[in-house]
Amino acid sequence: MLHLLGQYFIRTGHETITASTVAEAMALLKTGNELLPIDAAVIDLSLPDGSGEDVARALLAFDPAIRIIMATGYAYEPPTALRGRVAILQKPFLPRALLNVLVAS
């Protein structure tokens, strides 16, 4: 799904950076200046090596203005630190629905 969404965003004119684990995302953040600016992040709540919440917190510390969409197949209420700072997108979803959330957030 990560690869398909990345390709979809490229086709719709967006630059993309992908990471499939918390560790990959954190490693990318350590090279921060190469990534600037990041306008938005789509994060799966359940990643193979941890929680997408950890990535969201790190991204917001990196850039408080970044728009974050948290994708989950479960009922989800963000913790207090993320409440009001992340949009929730229920899985499964179509790529177009994700693009609509990105534009709206």
N, C-alpha and C. Protein backbone atom coordinates (compact mmCIF):
# COMPACT_ATOMS: atom_id res chain seq x y z
N MET A 1 0.83 -1.19 0.00
CA MET A 1 0.00 0.00 0.00
C MET A 1 0.87 1.26 0.00
N LEU A 2 1.97 1.21 0.75
CA LEU A 2 2.88 2.36 0.81
C LEU A 2 3.38 2.71 -0.59
N HIS A 3 3.81 1.71 -1.34
CA HIS A 3 4.32 1.94 -2.68
C HIS A 3 3.23 2.51 -3.60
N LEU A 4 2.03 1.94 -3.53
CA LEU A 4 0.93 2.41 -4.38
C LEU A 4 0.55 3.86 -4.08
N LEU A 5 0.48 4.20 -2.79
CA LEU A 5 0.15 5.58 -2.43
C LEU A 5 1.25 6.53 -2.86
N GLY A 6 2.50 6.11 -2.69
CA GLY A 6 3.62 6.94 -3.13
C GLY A 6 3.54 7.22 -4.62
N GLN A 7 3.25 6.20 -5.41
CA GLN A 7 3.12 6.37 -6.86
C GLN A 7 1.93 7.26 -7.22
N TYR A 8 0.83 7.10 -6.49
CA TYR A 8 -0.34 7.93 -6.74
C TYR A 8 -0.01 9.41 -6.52
N PHE A 9 0.68 9.72 -5.43
CA PHE A 9 1.01 11.11 -5.16
C PHE A 9 2.01 11.67 -6.18
N ILE A 10 2.92 10.86 -6.63
CA ILE A 10 3.84 11.30 -7.68
C ILE A 10 3.05 11.63 -8.95
N ARG A 11 2.11 10.76 -9.31
CA ARG A 11 1.29 11.00 -10.52
C ARG A 11 0.42 12.24 -10.39
N THR A 12 0.05 12.61 -9.16
CA THR A 12 -0.78 13.79 -8.96
C THR A 12 0.06 15.04 -8.70
N GLY A 13 1.38 14.94 -8.94
CA GLY A 13 2.24 16.11 -8.90
C GLY A 13 2.87 16.43 -7.56
N HIS A 14 2.91 15.48 -6.66
CA HIS A 14 3.50 15.70 -5.33
C HIS A 14 4.83 14.97 -5.21
N GLU A 15 5.75 15.59 -4.51
CA GLU A 15 7.00 14.90 -4.17
C GLU A 15 6.70 14.01 -2.97
N THR A 16 7.30 12.84 -2.95
CA THR A 16 7.04 11.95 -1.82
C THR A 16 8.33 11.40 -1.24
N ILE A 17 8.28 11.15 0.04
CA ILE A 17 9.33 10.46 0.78
C ILE A 17 8.60 9.36 1.54
N THR A 18 9.08 8.14 1.45
CA THR A 18 8.39 7.06 2.13
C THR A 18 9.29 6.36 3.14
N ALA A 19 8.63 5.86 4.17
CA ALA A 19 9.30 5.04 5.19
C ALA A 19 8.27 4.00 5.63
N SER A 20 8.71 2.77 5.79
CA SER A 20 7.76 1.72 6.15
C SER A 20 7.81 1.33 7.63
N THR A 21 8.72 1.94 8.38
CA THR A 21 8.82 1.64 9.81
C THR A 21 9.10 2.93 10.58
N VAL A 22 8.92 2.83 11.88
CA VAL A 22 9.26 3.97 12.75
C VAL A 22 10.75 4.27 12.62
N ALA A 23 11.58 3.23 12.62
CA ALA A 23 13.04 3.43 12.52
C ALA A 23 13.43 4.14 11.23
N GLU A 24 12.82 3.77 10.11
CA GLU A 24 13.13 4.44 8.83
C GLU A 24 12.71 5.91 8.89
N ALA A 25 11.54 6.18 9.44
CA ALA A 25 11.07 7.56 9.53
C ALA A 25 11.99 8.40 10.42
N MET A 26 12.40 7.84 11.54
CA MET A 26 13.28 8.57 12.45
C MET A 26 14.65 8.82 11.81
N ALA A 27 15.13 7.85 11.05
CA ALA A 27 16.41 8.03 10.35
C ALA A 27 16.29 9.16 9.32
N LEU A 28 15.18 9.23 8.63
CA LEU A 28 14.96 10.32 7.67
C LEU A 28 14.93 11.68 8.37
N LEU A 29 14.32 11.72 9.53
CA LEU A 29 14.25 12.99 10.27
C LEU A 29 15.62 13.46 10.73
N LYS A 30 16.53 12.54 10.97
CA LYS A 30 17.88 12.92 11.38
C LYS A 30 18.62 13.65 10.27
N THR A 31 18.19 13.46 9.01
CA THR A 31 18.79 14.18 7.88
C THR A 31 17.94 15.39 7.53
N GLY A 32 17.17 15.87 8.49
CA GLY A 32 16.17 16.91 8.36
C GLY A 32 16.32 17.95 7.28
N ASN A 33 17.44 18.61 7.18
CA ASN A 33 17.57 19.70 6.21
C ASN A 33 17.37 19.24 4.78
N GLU A 34 17.68 17.99 4.50
CA GLU A 34 17.47 17.46 3.15
C GLU A 34 15.99 17.27 2.85
N LEU A 35 15.16 17.21 3.88
CA LEU A 35 13.73 16.95 3.69
C LEU A 35 12.89 18.22 3.61
N LEU A 36 13.44 19.34 4.04
CA LEU A 36 12.64 20.55 4.12
C LEU A 36 12.21 21.05 2.77
N PRO A 37 11.04 21.63 2.63
CA PRO A 37 9.97 21.61 3.62
C PRO A 37 9.11 20.35 3.46
N ILE A 38 8.57 19.86 4.53
CA ILE A 38 7.59 18.77 4.51
C ILE A 38 6.25 19.43 4.76
N ASP A 39 5.34 19.31 3.83
CA ASP A 39 4.03 19.93 3.99
C ASP A 39 3.07 19.05 4.78
N ALA A 40 3.15 17.74 4.54
CA ALA A 40 2.19 16.83 5.16
C ALA A 40 2.80 15.44 5.30
N ALA A 41 2.25 14.69 6.23
CA ALA A 41 2.68 13.31 6.43
C ALA A 41 1.45 12.44 6.60
N VAL A 42 1.49 11.29 5.97
CA VAL A 42 0.44 10.28 6.14
C VAL A 42 1.11 9.14 6.89
N ILE A 43 0.59 8.83 8.06
CA ILE A 43 1.23 7.86 8.94
C ILE A 43 0.23 6.78 9.33
N ASP A 44 0.64 5.53 9.18
CA ASP A 44 -0.19 4.43 9.66
C ASP A 44 -0.01 4.35 11.17
N LEU A 45 -1.09 4.19 11.89
CA LEU A 45 -1.01 4.11 13.33
C LEU A 45 -0.22 2.88 13.77
N SER A 46 -0.41 1.76 13.07
CA SER A 46 0.25 0.50 13.44
C SER A 46 1.37 0.20 12.46
N LEU A 47 2.60 0.42 12.89
CA LEU A 47 3.77 0.13 12.07
C LEU A 47 4.47 -1.12 12.60
N PRO A 48 5.24 -1.81 11.77
CA PRO A 48 5.84 -3.08 12.19
C PRO A 48 6.70 -2.98 13.45
N ASP A 49 7.32 -1.83 13.68
CA ASP A 49 8.23 -1.71 14.82
C ASP A 49 7.78 -0.70 15.87
N GLY A 50 6.53 -0.31 15.83
CA GLY A 50 6.06 0.64 16.83
C GLY A 50 4.80 1.37 16.40
N SER A 51 4.55 2.47 17.06
CA SER A 51 3.34 3.24 16.81
C SER A 51 3.60 4.45 15.92
N GLY A 52 2.68 4.71 15.03
CA GLY A 52 2.75 5.91 14.21
C GLY A 52 2.68 7.18 15.03
N GLU A 53 2.14 7.07 16.26
CA GLU A 53 2.11 8.24 17.14
C GLU A 53 3.52 8.75 17.43
N ASP A 54 4.49 7.84 17.55
CA ASP A 54 5.87 8.26 17.79
C ASP A 54 6.41 9.07 16.62
N VAL A 55 6.06 8.66 15.42
CA VAL A 55 6.49 9.39 14.22
C VAL A 55 5.81 10.75 14.19
N ALA A 56 4.52 10.79 14.50
CA ALA A 56 3.78 12.06 14.50
C ALA A 56 4.40 13.04 15.49
N ARG A 57 4.71 12.57 16.69
CA ARG A 57 5.32 13.46 17.69
C ARG A 57 6.66 14.01 17.20
N ALA A 58 7.47 13.13 16.61
CA ALA A 58 8.79 13.55 16.12
C ALA A 58 8.64 14.56 14.98
N LEU A 59 7.69 14.33 14.09
CA LEU A 59 7.47 15.26 12.98
C LEU A 59 7.01 16.62 13.49
N LEU A 60 6.12 16.61 14.46
CA LEU A 60 5.63 17.89 15.01
C LEU A 60 6.72 18.63 15.77
N ALA A 61 7.64 17.90 16.38
CA ALA A 61 8.78 18.56 17.04
C ALA A 61 9.71 19.15 15.99
N PHE A 62 9.83 18.48 14.86
CA PHE A 62 10.66 18.92 13.75
C PHE A 62 10.07 20.15 13.09
N ASP A 63 8.73 20.13 12.89
CA ASP A 63 8.03 21.22 12.23
C ASP A 63 6.60 21.28 12.76
N PRO A 64 6.30 22.18 13.68
CA PRO A 64 4.96 22.25 14.28
C PRO A 64 3.84 22.56 13.28
N ALA A 65 4.18 23.05 12.10
CA ALA A 65 3.16 23.40 11.12
C ALA A 65 2.80 22.24 10.18
N ILE A 66 3.49 21.12 10.28
CA ILE A 66 3.23 20.01 9.36
C ILE A 66 1.82 19.46 9.57
N ARG A 67 1.16 19.14 8.47
CA ARG A 67 -0.16 18.52 8.53
C ARG A 67 0.04 17.01 8.62
N ILE A 68 -0.64 16.37 9.56
CA ILE A 68 -0.48 14.94 9.75
C ILE A 68 -1.83 14.25 9.63
N ILE A 69 -1.85 13.20 8.82
CA ILE A 69 -3.02 12.34 8.69
C ILE A 69 -2.64 10.99 9.25
N MET A 70 -3.38 10.54 10.25
CA MET A 70 -3.13 9.25 10.87
C MET A 70 -4.14 8.26 10.28
N ALA A 71 -3.63 7.22 9.63
CA ALA A 71 -4.49 6.20 9.02
C ALA A 71 -4.59 5.01 9.97
N THR A 72 -5.81 4.54 10.18
CA THR A 72 -6.02 3.41 11.08
C THR A 72 -7.28 2.64 10.70
N GLY A 73 -7.24 1.37 10.98
CA GLY A 73 -8.42 0.53 10.77
C GLY A 73 -9.21 0.35 12.04
N TYR A 74 -8.80 1.01 13.10
CA TYR A 74 -9.43 0.87 14.41
C TYR A 74 -10.06 2.18 14.84
N ALA A 75 -10.98 2.09 15.80
CA ALA A 75 -11.48 3.31 16.42
C ALA A 75 -10.29 3.96 17.11
N TYR A 76 -10.11 5.26 16.92
CA TYR A 76 -8.90 5.89 17.43
C TYR A 76 -9.20 7.28 17.94
N GLU A 77 -8.77 7.53 19.15
CA GLU A 77 -8.82 8.86 19.73
C GLU A 77 -7.38 9.24 20.05
N PRO A 78 -6.85 10.27 19.39
CA PRO A 78 -5.45 10.64 19.63
C PRO A 78 -5.21 11.02 21.09
N PRO A 79 -4.00 10.76 21.59
CA PRO A 79 -3.67 11.22 22.93
C PRO A 79 -3.69 12.75 22.98
N THR A 80 -3.74 13.28 24.17
CA THR A 80 -3.85 14.73 24.36
C THR A 80 -2.82 15.51 23.57
N ALA A 81 -1.58 15.04 23.53
CA ALA A 81 -0.51 15.76 22.84
C ALA A 81 -0.75 15.88 21.34
N LEU A 82 -1.53 14.97 20.77
CA LEU A 82 -1.77 14.99 19.33
C LEU A 82 -3.18 15.47 18.97
N ARG A 83 -4.05 15.55 19.96
CA ARG A 83 -5.43 15.94 19.70
C ARG A 83 -5.50 17.32 19.06
N GLY A 84 -6.22 17.42 17.98
CA GLY A 84 -6.34 18.69 17.27
C GLY A 84 -5.18 18.96 16.32
N ARG A 85 -4.17 18.09 16.34
CA ARG A 85 -3.00 18.29 15.50
C ARG A 85 -2.90 17.24 14.40
N VAL A 86 -3.75 16.21 14.48
CA VAL A 86 -3.75 15.16 13.46
C VAL A 86 -5.17 14.95 12.95
N ALA A 87 -5.28 14.66 11.67
CA ALA A 87 -6.54 14.25 11.08
C ALA A 87 -6.56 12.73 11.07
N ILE A 88 -7.74 12.15 11.24
CA ILE A 88 -7.86 10.69 11.27
C ILE A 88 -8.52 10.24 9.98
N LEU A 89 -7.94 9.22 9.35
CA LEU A 89 -8.50 8.63 8.14
C LEU A 89 -8.68 7.14 8.39
N GLN A 90 -9.93 6.69 8.33
CA GLN A 90 -10.23 5.28 8.57
C GLN A 90 -9.87 4.43 7.36
N LYS A 91 -9.20 3.31 7.62
CA LYS A 91 -8.88 2.34 6.58
C LYS A 91 -10.02 1.33 6.52
N PRO A 92 -10.29 0.75 5.38
CA PRO A 92 -9.61 1.02 4.10
C PRO A 92 -10.13 2.31 3.49
N PHE A 93 -9.30 2.92 2.66
CA PHE A 93 -9.67 4.15 1.98
C PHE A 93 -9.12 4.12 0.57
N LEU A 94 -9.71 4.91 -0.28
CA LEU A 94 -9.23 5.07 -1.65
C LEU A 94 -8.21 6.19 -1.67
N PRO A 95 -7.22 6.12 -2.55
CA PRO A 95 -6.22 7.20 -2.63
C PRO A 95 -6.85 8.58 -2.78
N ARG A 96 -7.93 8.67 -3.51
CA ARG A 96 -8.60 9.95 -3.72
C ARG A 96 -9.10 10.53 -2.39
N ALA A 97 -9.61 9.65 -1.52
CA ALA A 97 -10.09 10.10 -0.20
C ALA A 97 -8.93 10.67 0.61
N LEU A 98 -7.78 10.04 0.51
CA LEU A 98 -6.60 10.55 1.21
C LEU A 98 -6.20 11.91 0.66
N LEU A 99 -6.21 12.05 -0.64
CA LEU A 99 -5.87 13.34 -1.24
C LEU A 99 -6.86 14.42 -0.79
N ASN A 100 -8.13 14.07 -0.69
CA ASN A 100 -9.15 15.03 -0.23
C ASN A 100 -8.87 15.46 1.21
N VAL A 101 -8.48 14.54 2.08
CA VAL A 101 -8.16 14.88 3.47
C VAL A 101 -6.93 15.78 3.52
N LEU A 102 -5.94 15.48 2.70
CA LEU A 102 -4.73 16.32 2.66
C LEU A 102 -5.06 17.74 2.25
N VAL A 103 -5.89 17.88 1.26
CA VAL A 103 -6.25 19.21 0.76
C VAL A 103 -7.06 19.95 1.81
N ALA A 104 -7.94 19.24 2.53
CA ALA A 104 -8.82 19.87 3.52
C ALA A 104 -8.10 20.21 4.82
N SER A 105 -7.03 19.48 5.14
CA SER A 105 -6.39 19.71 6.46
C SER A 105 -5.35 20.80 6.39
